[in-house]
Amino acid sequence: MYWYWVENNAQQGPVGDAELQAMIDSGRIGPDTLVWRDGFANWIPWREAAARPTPPPPAAPPPAAPLPADAETCTQCHRVFPKDDLMRFENERVCADCKPLYVQRLKEGVQPSTQLAYAGFWIRALASLIDFGINYLFGLGVTMLAGKAGVARASTFSAWNAATCGLQLFLALAGMAYDVLFVGALGATPGKLALKLRIVRPDGGRISYGRAFGRYFAKIVSYIILGIGFIMAAFDDEKRALHDRICDTRVIRA
């Protein structure tokens, strides 16, 4: 037999007979506490429920718990509170427990609502194309400068090979710095910023430099499996690519 009860204007449970009796003995459930079990048409005080015969095993969930007329739901944690216990921020209703994190998100410019507008595959692909173009032009410029400096005209093969490897290493590190520094500082690369996209945590919060660094290398995994890691964003309900899943990030419309 499973029981449900109302506590702090919210439905609690289910618990078995033994657990219910323990809460009665401790005073957590009193004579006037509203309870429900299968076989009851509605919620009734415990003093009335205790006098009723034991029904067969439960076969249906309880009806919605009755709420006071002045109750409202916190838009962040979805718990129910009296209206006077909630703080109002425009269209949001926030309880005291959620207020510090909510205010912090407002200071960071993050939309506190749990409803995030996820960016789809094609707009993300376009943002990546913009970033590729920026990196390509940068690499082309550096290569031309290196050629004018005489790197490409090295006198021996070993010198030419060392200069070429050094140039490639520099470009690789520059590409990594481009991604990590922009994402860590602004939450997006220039390509994403141009299309008003941001990389965030599941709750809409900003990501750290460390997570941006890890996400850069996680993208390599998406590349080496023939780009399938990127294509996953087209089919995921939160538009997550493989590297988003690895690093627990989301790309949203700002």
C-alpha atoms as a PDB file:
ATOM      1  CA  MET A   1       0.000   0.000   0.000  1.00  0.00           C
ATOM      2  CA  TYR A   2       1.417   3.369  -1.006  1.00  0.00           C
ATOM      3  CA  TRP A   3       0.459   6.692   0.510  1.00  0.00           C
ATOM      4  CA  TYR A   4       0.807  10.316  -0.610  1.00  0.00           C
ATOM      5  CA  TRP A   5       0.511  13.366   1.608  1.00  0.00           C
ATOM      6  CA  VAL A   6       0.551  17.178   1.346  1.00  0.00           C
ATOM      7  CA  GLU A   7       3.421  19.033   3.001  1.00  0.00           C
ATOM      8  CA  ASN A   8       4.365  22.701   2.496  1.00  0.00           C
ATOM      9  CA  ASN A   9       1.571  23.005  -0.069  1.00  0.00           C
ATOM     10  CA  ALA A  10       3.147  20.302  -2.256  1.00  0.00           C
ATOM     11  CA  GLN A  11       2.388  16.638  -2.883  1.00  0.00           C
ATOM     12  CA  GLN A  12       4.827  14.192  -1.278  1.00  0.00           C
ATOM     13  CA  GLY A  13       5.263  10.426  -1.603  1.00  0.00           C
ATOM     14  CA  PRO A  14       4.727   7.682  -2.266  1.00  0.00           C
ATOM     15  CA  VAL A  15       5.646   5.812   0.936  1.00  0.00           C
ATOM     16  CA  GLY A  16       4.675   2.415   2.264  1.00  0.00           C
ATOM     17  CA  ASP A  17       2.634   1.674   5.369  1.00  0.00           C
ATOM     18  CA  ALA A  18       5.703   1.339   7.601  1.00  0.00           C
ATOM     19  CA  GLU A  19       7.171   4.663   6.468  1.00  0.00           C
ATOM     20  CA  LEU A  20       3.823   6.377   6.884  1.00  0.00           C
ATOM     21  CA  GLN A  21       3.487   5.047  10.430  1.00  0.00           C
ATOM     22  CA  ALA A  22       6.987   6.293  11.259  1.00  0.00           C
ATOM     23  CA  MET A  23       6.056   9.808  10.105  1.00  0.00           C
ATOM     24  CA  ILE A  24       2.841   9.656  12.135  1.00  0.00           C
ATOM     25  CA  ASP A  25       4.799   8.594  15.224  1.00  0.00           C
ATOM     26  CA  SER A  26       7.281  11.442  14.713  1.00  0.00           C
ATOM     27  CA  GLY A  27       4.493  13.990  14.302  1.00  0.00           C
ATOM     28  CA  ARG A  28       5.383  14.848  10.706  1.00  0.00           C
ATOM     29  CA  ILE A  29       1.922  13.692   9.642  1.00  0.00           C
ATOM     30  CA  GLY A  30      -0.822  14.889  11.964  1.00  0.00           C
ATOM     31  CA  PRO A  31      -4.587  14.313  12.162  1.00  0.00           C
ATOM     32  CA  ASP A  32      -5.287  17.220   9.768  1.00  0.00           C
ATOM     33  CA  THR A  33      -2.623  16.343   7.192  1.00  0.00           C
ATOM     34  CA  LEU A  34      -4.191  15.639   3.791  1.00  0.00           C
ATOM     35  CA  VAL A  35      -3.437  12.121   2.522  1.00  0.00           C
ATOM     36  CA  TRP A  36      -4.374   9.946  -0.439  1.00  0.00           C
ATOM     37  CA  ARG A  37      -4.106   6.298  -1.423  1.00  0.00           C
ATOM     38  CA  ASP A  38      -5.651   4.205  -4.156  1.00  0.00           C
ATOM     39  CA  GLY A  39      -9.344   3.815  -3.495  1.00  0.00           C
ATOM     40  CA  PHE A  40      -9.836   7.377  -2.254  1.00  0.00           C
ATOM     41  CA  ALA A  41     -11.880   9.669  -4.488  1.00  0.00           C
ATOM     42  CA  ASN A  42     -10.012  12.717  -3.175  1.00  0.00           C
ATOM     43  CA  TRP A  43      -7.590  13.953  -0.541  1.00  0.00           C
ATOM     44  CA  ILE A  44      -8.831  13.668   3.042  1.00  0.00           C
ATOM     45  CA  PRO A  45      -7.372  14.377   6.512  1.00  0.00           C
ATOM     46  CA  TRP A  46      -5.404  11.535   8.068  1.00  0.00           C
ATOM     47  CA  ARG A  47      -7.879  11.180  10.939  1.00  0.00           C
ATOM     48  CA  GLU A  48     -10.554  10.188   8.397  1.00  0.00           C
ATOM     49  CA  ALA A  49      -8.241   7.994   6.330  1.00  0.00           C
ATOM     50  CA  ALA A  50      -7.135   6.023   9.410  1.00  0.00           C
ATOM     51  CA  ALA A  51     -10.749   4.973  10.033  1.00  0.00           C
ATOM     52  CA  ARG A  52     -11.246   3.559   6.520  1.00  0.00           C
ATOM     53  CA  PRO A  53     -10.698  -0.117   5.666  1.00  0.00           C
ATOM     54  CA  THR A  54      -7.533  -1.173   3.827  1.00  0.00           C
ATOM     55  CA  PRO A  55      -8.162  -1.245   0.029  1.00  0.00           C
ATOM     56  CA  PRO A  56      -6.601  -3.608  -2.548  1.00  0.00           C
ATOM     57  CA  PRO A  57      -3.099  -2.778  -3.963  1.00  0.00           C
ATOM     58  CA  PRO A  58      -2.856   0.622  -5.719  1.00  0.00           C
ATOM     59  CA  ALA A  59      -3.668   0.738  -9.412  1.00  0.00           C
ATOM     60  CA  ALA A  60      -3.676   4.462 -10.237  1.00  0.00           C
ATOM     61  CA  PRO A  61      -1.672   7.607  -9.416  1.00  0.00           C
ATOM     62  CA  PRO A  62      -3.168  10.174  -7.037  1.00  0.00           C
ATOM     63  CA  PRO A  63      -5.037  13.241  -8.270  1.00  0.00           C
ATOM     64  CA  ALA A  64      -3.276  16.582  -8.141  1.00  0.00           C
ATOM     65  CA  ALA A  65      -2.758  17.805  -4.599  1.00  0.00           C
ATOM     66  CA  PRO A  66      -5.082  20.640  -3.559  1.00  0.00           C
ATOM     67  CA  LEU A  67      -3.306  23.995  -3.417  1.00  0.00           C
ATOM     68  CA  PRO A  68      -4.229  27.136  -1.488  1.00  0.00           C
ATOM     69  CA  ALA A  69      -5.942  29.842  -3.503  1.00  0.00           C
ATOM     70  CA  ASP A  70      -2.973  32.200  -3.021  1.00  0.00           C
ATOM     71  CA  ALA A  71      -0.297  29.667  -4.067  1.00  0.00           C
ATOM     72  CA  GLU A  72       2.109  30.124  -6.994  1.00  0.00           C
ATOM     73  CA  THR A  73       4.905  28.065  -8.505  1.00  0.00           C
ATOM     74  CA  CYS A  74       8.556  29.135  -8.536  1.00  0.00           C
ATOM     75  CA  THR A  75       9.518  29.353 -12.216  1.00  0.00           C
ATOM     76  CA  GLN A  76      13.013  28.043 -11.435  1.00  0.00           C
ATOM     77  CA  CYS A  77      12.570  24.990  -9.156  1.00  0.00           C
ATOM     78  CA  HIS A  78       8.796  24.541  -9.817  1.00  0.00           C
ATOM     79  CA  ARG A  79       7.936  24.133  -6.129  1.00  0.00           C
ATOM     80  CA  VAL A  80       4.721  25.672  -4.815  1.00  0.00           C
ATOM     81  CA  PHE A  81       4.766  28.562  -2.320  1.00  0.00           C
ATOM     82  CA  PRO A  82       2.323  31.171  -0.998  1.00  0.00           C
ATOM     83  CA  LYS A  83       2.333  34.207  -3.309  1.00  0.00           C
ATOM     84  CA  ASP A  84       3.870  36.461  -0.652  1.00  0.00           C
ATOM     85  CA  ASP A  85       6.902  34.146  -0.356  1.00  0.00           C
ATOM     86  CA  LEU A  86       7.899  34.597  -4.012  1.00  0.00           C
ATOM     87  CA  MET A  87       9.924  37.498  -5.417  1.00  0.00           C
ATOM     88  CA  ARG A  88       8.779  38.943  -8.718  1.00  0.00           C
ATOM     89  CA  PHE A  89      11.165  39.683 -11.588  1.00  0.00           C
ATOM     90  CA  GLU A  90       9.014  40.821 -14.536  1.00  0.00           C
ATOM     91  CA  ASN A  91       7.295  37.573 -15.639  1.00  0.00           C
ATOM     92  CA  GLU A  92       9.326  35.343 -13.313  1.00  0.00           C
ATOM     93  CA  ARG A  93       8.347  34.170  -9.813  1.00  0.00           C
ATOM     94  CA  VAL A  94      11.404  33.138  -7.768  1.00  0.00           C
ATOM     95  CA  CYS A  95      11.614  31.556  -4.310  1.00  0.00           C
ATOM     96  CA  ALA A  96      14.219  32.515  -1.707  1.00  0.00           C
ATOM     97  CA  ASP A  97      16.309  29.388  -2.407  1.00  0.00           C
ATOM     98  CA  CYS A  98      16.554  30.160  -6.135  1.00  0.00           C
ATOM     99  CA  LYS A  99      17.046  33.933  -5.799  1.00  0.00           C
ATOM    100  CA  PRO A 100      20.902  34.021  -5.422  1.00  0.00           C
ATOM    101  CA  LEU A 101      21.531  31.948  -8.566  1.00  0.00           C
ATOM    102  CA  TYR A 102      18.813  33.813 -10.471  1.00  0.00           C
ATOM    103  CA  VAL A 103      20.301  37.219  -9.619  1.00  0.00           C
ATOM    104  CA  GLN A 104      23.796  35.993 -10.528  1.00  0.00           C
ATOM    105  CA  ARG A 105      22.564  34.904 -13.953  1.00  0.00           C
ATOM    106  CA  LEU A 106      20.965  38.297 -14.476  1.00  0.00           C
ATOM    107  CA  LYS A 107      24.302  39.980 -13.699  1.00  0.00           C
ATOM    108  CA  GLU A 108      26.007  37.721 -16.253  1.00  0.00           C
ATOM    109  CA  GLY A 109      23.429  38.603 -18.876  1.00  0.00           C
ATOM    110  CA  VAL A 110      22.055  35.053 -18.950  1.00  0.00           C
ATOM    111  CA  GLN A 111      18.355  34.445 -19.500  1.00  0.00           C
ATOM    112  CA  PRO A 112      17.422  32.622 -16.256  1.00  0.00           C
ATOM    113  CA  SER A 113      14.450  30.833 -17.734  1.00  0.00           C
ATOM    114  CA  THR A 114      14.933  27.113 -18.147  1.00  0.00           C
ATOM    115  CA  GLN A 115      13.554  27.406 -21.709  1.00  0.00           C
ATOM    116  CA  LEU A 116      16.627  27.874 -23.906  1.00  0.00           C
ATOM    117  CA  ALA A 117      16.397  28.548 -27.630  1.00  0.00           C
ATOM    118  CA  TYR A 118      18.787  25.922 -28.997  1.00  0.00           C
ATOM    119  CA  ALA A 119      20.653  26.741 -32.198  1.00  0.00           C
ATOM    120  CA  GLY A 120      20.053  24.286 -35.024  1.00  0.00           C
ATOM    121  CA  PHE A 121      22.534  22.413 -37.197  1.00  0.00           C
ATOM    122  CA  TRP A 122      22.564  24.759 -40.194  1.00  0.00           C
ATOM    123  CA  ILE A 123      23.105  28.019 -38.333  1.00  0.00           C
ATOM    124  CA  ARG A 124      25.888  26.354 -36.355  1.00  0.00           C
ATOM    125  CA  ALA A 125      27.421  25.135 -39.603  1.00  0.00           C
ATOM    126  CA  LEU A 126      27.334  28.686 -40.983  1.00  0.00           C
ATOM    127  CA  ALA A 127      29.010  30.011 -37.816  1.00  0.00           C
ATOM    128  CA  SER A 128      31.743  27.363 -38.204  1.00  0.00           C
ATOM    129  CA  LEU A 129      32.217  28.394 -41.833  1.00  0.00           C
ATOM    130  CA  ILE A 130      32.736  32.024 -40.751  1.00  0.00           C
ATOM    131  CA  ASP A 131      35.296  30.919 -38.154  1.00  0.00           C
ATOM    132  CA  PHE A 132      37.030  28.750 -40.754  1.00  0.00           C
ATOM    133  CA  GLY A 133      37.263  31.738 -43.099  1.00  0.00           C
ATOM    134  CA  ILE A 134      38.771  33.943 -40.384  1.00  0.00           C
ATOM    135  CA  ASN A 135      41.337  31.293 -39.459  1.00  0.00           C
ATOM    136  CA  TYR A 136      42.128  30.624 -43.121  1.00  0.00           C
ATOM    137  CA  LEU A 137      42.801  34.291 -43.871  1.00  0.00           C
ATOM    138  CA  PHE A 138      44.921  34.588 -40.731  1.00  0.00           C
ATOM    139  CA  GLY A 139      46.935  31.505 -41.688  1.00  0.00           C
ATOM    140  CA  LEU A 140      47.371  32.775 -45.234  1.00  0.00           C
ATOM    141  CA  GLY A 141      48.655  36.107 -43.974  1.00  0.00           C
ATOM    142  CA  VAL A 142      51.112  34.487 -41.553  1.00  0.00           C
ATOM    143  CA  THR A 143      52.370  32.145 -44.274  1.00  0.00           C
ATOM    144  CA  MET A 144      52.973  35.044 -46.657  1.00  0.00           C
ATOM    145  CA  LEU A 145      54.859  36.956 -43.985  1.00  0.00           C
ATOM    146  CA  ALA A 146      56.929  33.873 -43.211  1.00  0.00           C
ATOM    147  CA  GLY A 147      57.752  33.521 -46.898  1.00  0.00           C
ATOM    148  CA  LYS A 148      58.896  37.137 -47.106  1.00  0.00           C
ATOM    149  CA  ALA A 149      61.017  36.556 -44.034  1.00  0.00           C
ATOM    150  CA  GLY A 150      62.867  33.835 -45.900  1.00  0.00           C
ATOM    151  CA  VAL A 151      61.414  30.788 -44.107  1.00  0.00           C
ATOM    152  CA  ALA A 152      60.235  29.257 -47.356  1.00  0.00           C
ATOM    153  CA  ARG A 153      63.686  29.813 -48.912  1.00  0.00           C
ATOM    154  CA  ALA A 154      65.649  27.893 -46.296  1.00  0.00           C
ATOM    155  CA  SER A 155      69.054  26.814 -47.610  1.00  0.00           C
ATOM    156  CA  THR A 156      68.788  23.157 -46.565  1.00  0.00           C
ATOM    157  CA  PHE A 157      65.994  20.617 -46.434  1.00  0.00           C
ATOM    158  CA  SER A 158      66.341  20.168 -42.677  1.00  0.00           C
ATOM    159  CA  ALA A 159      66.085  23.937 -42.155  1.00  0.00           C
ATOM    160  CA  TRP A 160      63.066  24.109 -44.456  1.00  0.00           C
ATOM    161  CA  ASN A 161      61.452  21.164 -42.650  1.00  0.00           C
ATOM    162  CA  ALA A 162      62.057  22.733 -39.225  1.00  0.00           C
ATOM    163  CA  ALA A 163      60.689  26.083 -40.381  1.00  0.00           C
ATOM    164  CA  THR A 164      57.596  24.449 -41.898  1.00  0.00           C
ATOM    165  CA  CYS A 165      56.909  22.417 -38.754  1.00  0.00           C
ATOM    166  CA  GLY A 166      57.359  25.516 -36.621  1.00  0.00           C
ATOM    167  CA  LEU A 167      54.938  27.444 -38.810  1.00  0.00           C
ATOM    168  CA  GLN A 168      52.324  24.666 -38.654  1.00  0.00           C
ATOM    169  CA  LEU A 169      52.695  24.425 -34.868  1.00  0.00           C
ATOM    170  CA  PHE A 170      52.236  28.182 -34.538  1.00  0.00           C
ATOM    171  CA  LEU A 171      49.085  28.114 -36.672  1.00  0.00           C
ATOM    172  CA  ALA A 172      47.668  25.175 -34.686  1.00  0.00           C
ATOM    173  CA  LEU A 173      48.268  26.973 -31.384  1.00  0.00           C
ATOM    174  CA  ALA A 174      46.791  30.178 -32.795  1.00  0.00           C
ATOM    175  CA  GLY A 175      43.662  28.276 -33.876  1.00  0.00           C
ATOM    176  CA  MET A 176      43.308  26.782 -30.405  1.00  0.00           C
ATOM    177  CA  ALA A 177      43.817  30.176 -28.726  1.00  0.00           C
ATOM    178  CA  TYR A 178      41.229  31.729 -31.082  1.00  0.00           C
ATOM    179  CA  ASP A 179      38.602  29.200 -30.006  1.00  0.00           C
ATOM    180  CA  VAL A 180      39.396  28.893 -26.296  1.00  0.00           C
ATOM    181  CA  LEU A 181      39.962  32.585 -25.530  1.00  0.00           C
ATOM    182  CA  PHE A 182      36.869  33.835 -27.344  1.00  0.00           C
ATOM    183  CA  VAL A 183      34.624  31.110 -25.905  1.00  0.00           C
ATOM    184  CA  GLY A 184      36.022  31.517 -22.391  1.00  0.00           C
ATOM    185  CA  ALA A 185      35.777  35.324 -22.438  1.00  0.00           C
ATOM    186  CA  LEU A 186      32.654  35.950 -24.526  1.00  0.00           C
ATOM    187  CA  GLY A 187      30.897  32.586 -24.622  1.00  0.00           C
ATOM    188  CA  ALA A 188      31.249  32.319 -28.405  1.00  0.00           C
ATOM    189  CA  THR A 189      33.689  32.509 -31.295  1.00  0.00           C
ATOM    190  CA  PRO A 190      33.431  35.469 -33.718  1.00  0.00           C
ATOM    191  CA  GLY A 191      31.436  33.293 -36.119  1.00  0.00           C
ATOM    192  CA  LYS A 192      28.861  32.528 -33.457  1.00  0.00           C
ATOM    193  CA  LEU A 193      28.845  36.119 -32.211  1.00  0.00           C
ATOM    194  CA  ALA A 194      28.088  37.306 -35.742  1.00  0.00           C
ATOM    195  CA  LEU A 195      25.003  35.074 -35.791  1.00  0.00           C
ATOM    196  CA  LYS A 196      24.041  35.874 -32.179  1.00  0.00           C
ATOM    197  CA  LEU A 197      24.800  32.409 -30.811  1.00  0.00           C
ATOM    198  CA  ARG A 198      26.353  31.525 -27.462  1.00  0.00           C
ATOM    199  CA  ILE A 199      27.819  28.412 -25.850  1.00  0.00           C
ATOM    200  CA  VAL A 200      26.386  27.842 -22.371  1.00  0.00           C
ATOM    201  CA  ARG A 201      25.908  25.251 -19.637  1.00  0.00           C
ATOM    202  CA  PRO A 202      22.584  23.338 -19.518  1.00  0.00           C
ATOM    203  CA  ASP A 203      21.164  25.918 -17.078  1.00  0.00           C
ATOM    204  CA  GLY A 204      22.129  28.825 -19.350  1.00  0.00           C
ATOM    205  CA  GLY A 205      25.236  29.776 -17.355  1.00  0.00           C
ATOM    206  CA  ARG A 206      28.576  30.753 -18.890  1.00  0.00           C
ATOM    207  CA  ILE A 207      31.297  28.171 -19.435  1.00  0.00           C
ATOM    208  CA  SER A 208      34.776  28.463 -17.956  1.00  0.00           C
ATOM    209  CA  TYR A 209      38.087  28.665 -19.809  1.00  0.00           C
ATOM    210  CA  GLY A 210      38.822  25.110 -18.680  1.00  0.00           C
ATOM    211  CA  ARG A 211      35.609  23.794 -20.194  1.00  0.00           C
ATOM    212  CA  ALA A 212      36.242  25.855 -23.349  1.00  0.00           C
ATOM    213  CA  PHE A 213      39.689  24.237 -23.585  1.00  0.00           C
ATOM    214  CA  GLY A 214      38.217  20.748 -23.171  1.00  0.00           C
ATOM    215  CA  ARG A 215      35.483  21.488 -25.690  1.00  0.00           C
ATOM    216  CA  TYR A 216      38.069  22.508 -28.300  1.00  0.00           C
ATOM    217  CA  PHE A 217      39.755  19.117 -28.075  1.00  0.00           C
ATOM    218  CA  ALA A 218      36.398  17.322 -27.887  1.00  0.00           C
ATOM    219  CA  LYS A 219      35.633  18.815 -31.308  1.00  0.00           C
ATOM    220  CA  ILE A 220      38.606  16.899 -32.658  1.00  0.00           C
ATOM    221  CA  VAL A 221      36.726  13.708 -31.784  1.00  0.00           C
ATOM    222  CA  SER A 222      33.770  14.985 -33.805  1.00  0.00           C
ATOM    223  CA  TYR A 223      36.141  15.568 -36.753  1.00  0.00           C
ATOM    224  CA  ILE A 224      37.962  12.229 -36.699  1.00  0.00           C
ATOM    225  CA  ILE A 225      34.743  10.185 -36.892  1.00  0.00           C
ATOM    226  CA  LEU A 226      34.082  11.661 -40.338  1.00  0.00           C
ATOM    227  CA  GLY A 227      32.156  14.632 -39.000  1.00  0.00           C
ATOM    228  CA  ILE A 228      29.411  12.472 -37.515  1.00  0.00           C
ATOM    229  CA  GLY A 229      29.886  14.242 -34.187  1.00  0.00           C
ATOM    230  CA  PHE A 230      28.752  17.499 -35.799  1.00  0.00           C
ATOM    231  CA  ILE A 231      25.861  15.894 -37.692  1.00  0.00           C
ATOM    232  CA  MET A 232      24.455  14.626 -34.372  1.00  0.00           C
ATOM    233  CA  ALA A 233      23.282  18.203 -33.674  1.00  0.00           C
ATOM    234  CA  ALA A 234      20.705  17.855 -36.454  1.00  0.00           C
ATOM    235  CA  PHE A 235      18.948  15.000 -34.672  1.00  0.00           C
ATOM    236  CA  ASP A 236      19.376  15.770 -30.972  1.00  0.00           C
ATOM    237  CA  ASP A 237      16.390  17.299 -29.154  1.00  0.00           C
ATOM    238  CA  GLU A 238      18.699  19.934 -27.618  1.00  0.00           C
ATOM    239  CA  LYS A 239      20.765  20.316 -30.819  1.00  0.00           C
ATOM    240  CA  ARG A 240      23.877  18.891 -29.137  1.00  0.00           C
ATOM    241  CA  ALA A 241      26.877  17.820 -31.170  1.00  0.00           C
ATOM    242  CA  LEU A 242      29.133  15.085 -29.811  1.00  0.00           C
ATOM    243  CA  HIS A 243      31.510  17.615 -28.229  1.00  0.00           C
ATOM    244  CA  ASP A 244      28.527  19.273 -26.521  1.00  0.00           C
ATOM    245  CA  ARG A 245      27.602  15.930 -25.004  1.00  0.00           C
ATOM    246  CA  ILE A 246      31.180  15.274 -23.883  1.00  0.00           C
ATOM    247  CA  CYS A 247      31.540  18.694 -22.216  1.00  0.00           C
ATOM    248  CA  ASP A 248      27.893  19.144 -21.178  1.00  0.00           C
ATOM    249  CA  THR A 249      27.374  22.368 -23.141  1.00  0.00           C
ATOM    250  CA  ARG A 250      24.600  23.796 -25.318  1.00  0.00           C
ATOM    251  CA  VAL A 251      24.632  26.289 -28.194  1.00  0.00           C
ATOM    252  CA  ILE A 252      21.732  28.730 -27.964  1.00  0.00           C
ATOM    253  CA  ARG A 253      20.397  31.797 -29.744  1.00  0.00           C
ATOM    254  CA  ALA A 254      21.372  34.827 -27.676  1.00  0.00           C
END
